[in-house]
Protein backbone atom coordinates (compact mmCIF):
# COMPACT_ATOMS: atom_id res chain seq x y z
CA UNK A 1 -37.93 3.77 5.26
CA UNK A 2 -35.06 3.45 7.76
CA UNK A 3 -34.27 -0.06 6.52
CA UNK A 4 -34.14 1.13 2.90
CA UNK A 5 -31.85 4.03 3.83
CA UNK A 6 -29.55 1.69 5.76
CA UNK A 7 -29.43 -0.75 2.81
CA UNK A 8 -28.56 2.05 0.40
CA UNK A 9 -25.82 3.23 2.77
CA UNK A 10 -24.34 -0.28 2.85
CA UNK A 11 -24.39 -0.51 -0.93
CA UNK A 12 -22.76 2.91 -1.28
CA UNK A 13 -20.07 2.03 1.25
CA UNK A 14 -19.05 -1.03 -0.77
CA UNK A 15 -17.69 1.14 -3.59
CA UNK A 16 -14.70 3.43 -3.92
CA UNK A 17 -16.67 6.36 -2.56
CA UNK A 18 -13.57 8.05 -1.16
CA UNK A 19 -12.59 9.06 -4.71
CA UNK A 20 -14.86 11.91 -5.81
CA UNK A 21 -16.92 10.81 -8.80
CA UNK A 22 -16.04 7.11 -8.56
CA UNK A 23 -18.97 5.78 -6.57
CA UNK A 24 -19.54 3.31 -9.42
CA UNK A 25 -16.13 1.70 -8.97
CA UNK A 26 -16.28 -1.50 -6.86
CA UNK A 27 -13.86 -2.00 -3.96
CA UNK A 28 -13.74 -5.74 -4.67
CA UNK A 29 -14.21 -7.72 -7.87
CA UNK A 30 -14.57 -11.42 -8.53
CA UNK A 31 -11.77 -13.19 -10.41
CA UNK A 32 -13.22 -16.10 -12.38
CA UNK A 33 -12.25 -18.77 -14.92
CA UNK A 34 -8.80 -19.20 -13.37
CA UNK A 35 -6.55 -21.81 -14.99
CA UNK A 36 -2.82 -22.25 -14.54
CA UNK A 37 -0.77 -24.92 -16.36
CA UNK A 38 2.84 -25.52 -15.37
CA UNK A 39 5.38 -27.78 -17.10
CA UNK A 40 8.14 -28.27 -14.48
CA UNK A 41 10.18 -30.91 -16.32
CA UNK A 42 9.59 -29.99 -19.94
CA UNK A 43 11.37 -26.72 -20.72
CA UNK A 44 10.14 -26.76 -24.32
CA UNK A 45 6.54 -26.16 -23.24
CA UNK A 46 5.49 -22.76 -21.98
CA UNK A 47 3.46 -22.23 -18.85
CA UNK A 48 -0.02 -20.83 -19.33
CA UNK A 49 -2.43 -18.79 -17.23
CA UNK A 50 -5.95 -17.51 -17.81
CA UNK A 51 -8.34 -15.52 -15.62
CA UNK A 52 -11.06 -12.87 -15.91
CA UNK A 53 -12.35 -9.98 -13.81
CA UNK A 54 -15.50 -9.12 -15.79
CA UNK A 55 -16.79 -6.47 -13.36
CA UNK A 56 -13.98 -4.15 -14.49
CA UNK A 57 -13.44 -5.66 -17.98
CA UNK A 58 -9.98 -7.07 -17.25
CA UNK A 59 -8.83 -10.47 -18.45
CA UNK A 60 -5.58 -12.36 -18.76
CA UNK A 61 -4.58 -15.04 -21.22
CA UNK A 62 -0.80 -15.31 -21.21
CA UNK A 63 2.11 -17.67 -21.57
CA UNK A 64 5.46 -17.62 -19.84
CA UNK A 65 8.44 -18.95 -21.79
CA UNK A 66 10.39 -19.97 -18.69
CA UNK A 67 9.14 -22.75 -16.42
CA UNK A 68 11.35 -21.38 -13.64
CA UNK A 69 9.93 -17.85 -13.40
CA UNK A 70 6.40 -17.60 -12.13
CA UNK A 71 5.60 -14.08 -13.21
CA UNK A 72 3.01 -13.63 -15.95
CA UNK A 73 2.49 -10.26 -17.57
CA UNK A 74 -1.02 -9.77 -18.91
CA UNK A 75 -1.22 -6.69 -21.04
CA UNK A 76 -4.41 -5.41 -22.60
CA UNK A 77 -5.95 -2.19 -23.78
CA UNK A 78 -4.78 0.35 -21.17
CA UNK A 79 -4.59 -2.42 -18.60
CA UNK A 80 -1.75 -4.38 -17.07
CA UNK A 81 -1.77 -7.39 -14.82
CA UNK A 82 0.53 -9.97 -13.30
CA UNK A 83 0.32 -13.34 -11.65
CA UNK A 84 2.98 -14.46 -9.20
CA UNK A 85 3.13 -18.06 -8.01
CA UNK A 86 4.97 -19.11 -4.87
CA UNK A 87 5.82 -22.47 -3.25
CA UNK A 88 6.22 -24.30 -6.55
CA UNK A 89 7.16 -27.63 -4.96
CA UNK A 90 4.08 -27.86 -2.76
CA UNK A 91 0.84 -29.51 -3.79
CA UNK A 92 -0.99 -26.38 -2.68
CA UNK A 93 0.41 -23.14 -4.02
CA UNK A 94 -0.24 -19.53 -3.17
CA UNK A 95 -0.65 -16.96 -5.90
CA UNK A 96 -1.13 -13.22 -6.18
CA UNK A 97 -2.99 -11.52 -8.99
CA UNK A 98 -2.47 -7.80 -9.52
CA UNK A 99 -4.07 -5.74 -12.26
CA UNK A 100 -4.96 -2.16 -13.02
CA UNK A 101 -7.55 -0.11 -14.83
CA UNK A 102 -8.03 3.57 -15.54
CA UNK A 103 -11.15 5.31 -14.27
CA UNK A 104 -12.62 8.71 -15.10
CA UNK A 105 -13.77 10.05 -11.74
CA UNK A 106 -15.59 13.38 -12.14
CA UNK A 107 -13.02 15.57 -13.93
CA UNK A 108 -10.01 13.49 -12.86
CA UNK A 109 -8.43 10.26 -14.07
CA UNK A 110 -7.16 7.61 -11.65
CA UNK A 111 -5.12 4.47 -12.12
CA UNK A 112 -6.81 1.87 -9.92
CA UNK A 113 -4.84 -1.23 -8.85
CA UNK A 114 -6.57 -4.41 -7.66
CA UNK A 115 -4.74 -7.20 -5.80
CA UNK A 116 -6.04 -10.63 -4.93
CA UNK A 117 -4.38 -13.47 -3.03
CA UNK A 118 -5.54 -16.98 -3.74
CA UNK A 119 -4.79 -20.58 -2.98
CA UNK A 120 -4.39 -22.94 -5.89
CA UNK A 121 -5.47 -26.54 -6.01
CA UNK A 122 -3.11 -28.38 -8.34
CA UNK A 123 -2.98 -31.85 -9.84
CA UNK A 124 -0.13 -33.51 -11.71
CA UNK A 125 -0.79 -35.60 -14.76
CA UNK A 126 1.30 -38.67 -15.63
CA UNK A 127 4.13 -36.59 -17.12
CA UNK A 128 4.59 -34.30 -14.09
CA UNK A 129 2.74 -31.45 -15.77
CA UNK A 130 0.71 -29.47 -13.27
CA UNK A 131 -2.77 -28.06 -13.83
CA UNK A 132 -4.08 -25.65 -11.20
CA UNK A 133 -7.37 -23.99 -10.42
CA UNK A 134 -8.51 -21.95 -7.46
CA UNK A 135 -9.43 -23.57 -4.16
CA UNK A 136 -12.46 -21.33 -3.79
CA UNK A 137 -13.92 -18.00 -4.74
CA UNK A 138 -11.33 -15.34 -5.54
CA UNK A 139 -11.80 -11.63 -5.05
CA UNK A 140 -9.41 -8.81 -5.73
CA UNK A 141 -9.54 -5.60 -3.69
CA UNK A 142 -8.39 -2.09 -4.48
CA UNK A 143 -4.79 -1.84 -3.31
CA UNK A 144 -3.94 1.60 -4.73
CA UNK A 145 -5.63 4.53 -6.43
CA UNK A 146 -3.13 6.81 -8.14
CA UNK A 147 -4.24 10.27 -9.24
CA UNK A 148 -3.00 11.06 -12.74
CA UNK A 149 -2.44 14.79 -13.16
CA UNK A 150 -3.67 16.27 -16.42
CA UNK A 151 -1.22 16.67 -19.24
CA UNK A 152 -0.87 20.36 -19.84
CA UNK A 153 -0.01 22.15 -23.06
CA UNK A 154 3.32 23.99 -23.14
CA UNK A 155 3.16 27.64 -22.13
CA UNK A 156 2.54 30.17 -24.90
CA UNK A 157 5.51 31.99 -26.40
CA UNK A 158 6.41 35.37 -24.91
CA UNK A 159 4.38 38.29 -26.19
CA UNK A 160 7.46 40.40 -27.02
CA UNK A 161 10.85 39.21 -28.00
CA UNK A 162 13.99 40.85 -26.75
CA UNK A 163 16.20 42.23 -29.48
CA UNK A 164 19.88 42.53 -28.65
CA UNK A 165 21.60 43.85 -31.73
């Protein structure tokens, strides 16, 4: 019985239990199916990125019109994400994925941000186009939990009006 209790405590501690009502929300999520294609010498082609975080129903499939800016907005239904690439001239690049989701936690709503840092393994084809994937498993962790106050109705009109005549 003690082993079962300890196991349940470990499982419970791996979720965002510090937010009341959000014990179901994972602290870390896997980022899978990552693909990044970069066209450094051909400005007519657009860069492309794709990734998924199925545990929280977030995915990205976006293009970037500029081969010189490595910032990919991924906008979905009530979700927003970005990918930033650094060290473009190196064979191994570092990248940061950041995305959000909204969670109903008891009676409150929170905006939960996940951030994951990853190393990319990239290969050039014969035309200097670069195709990258991850160098290993990628996880994103909760980096912020923002409480969203309820939207209130405007106050009622005054019960008696002042008449200055």
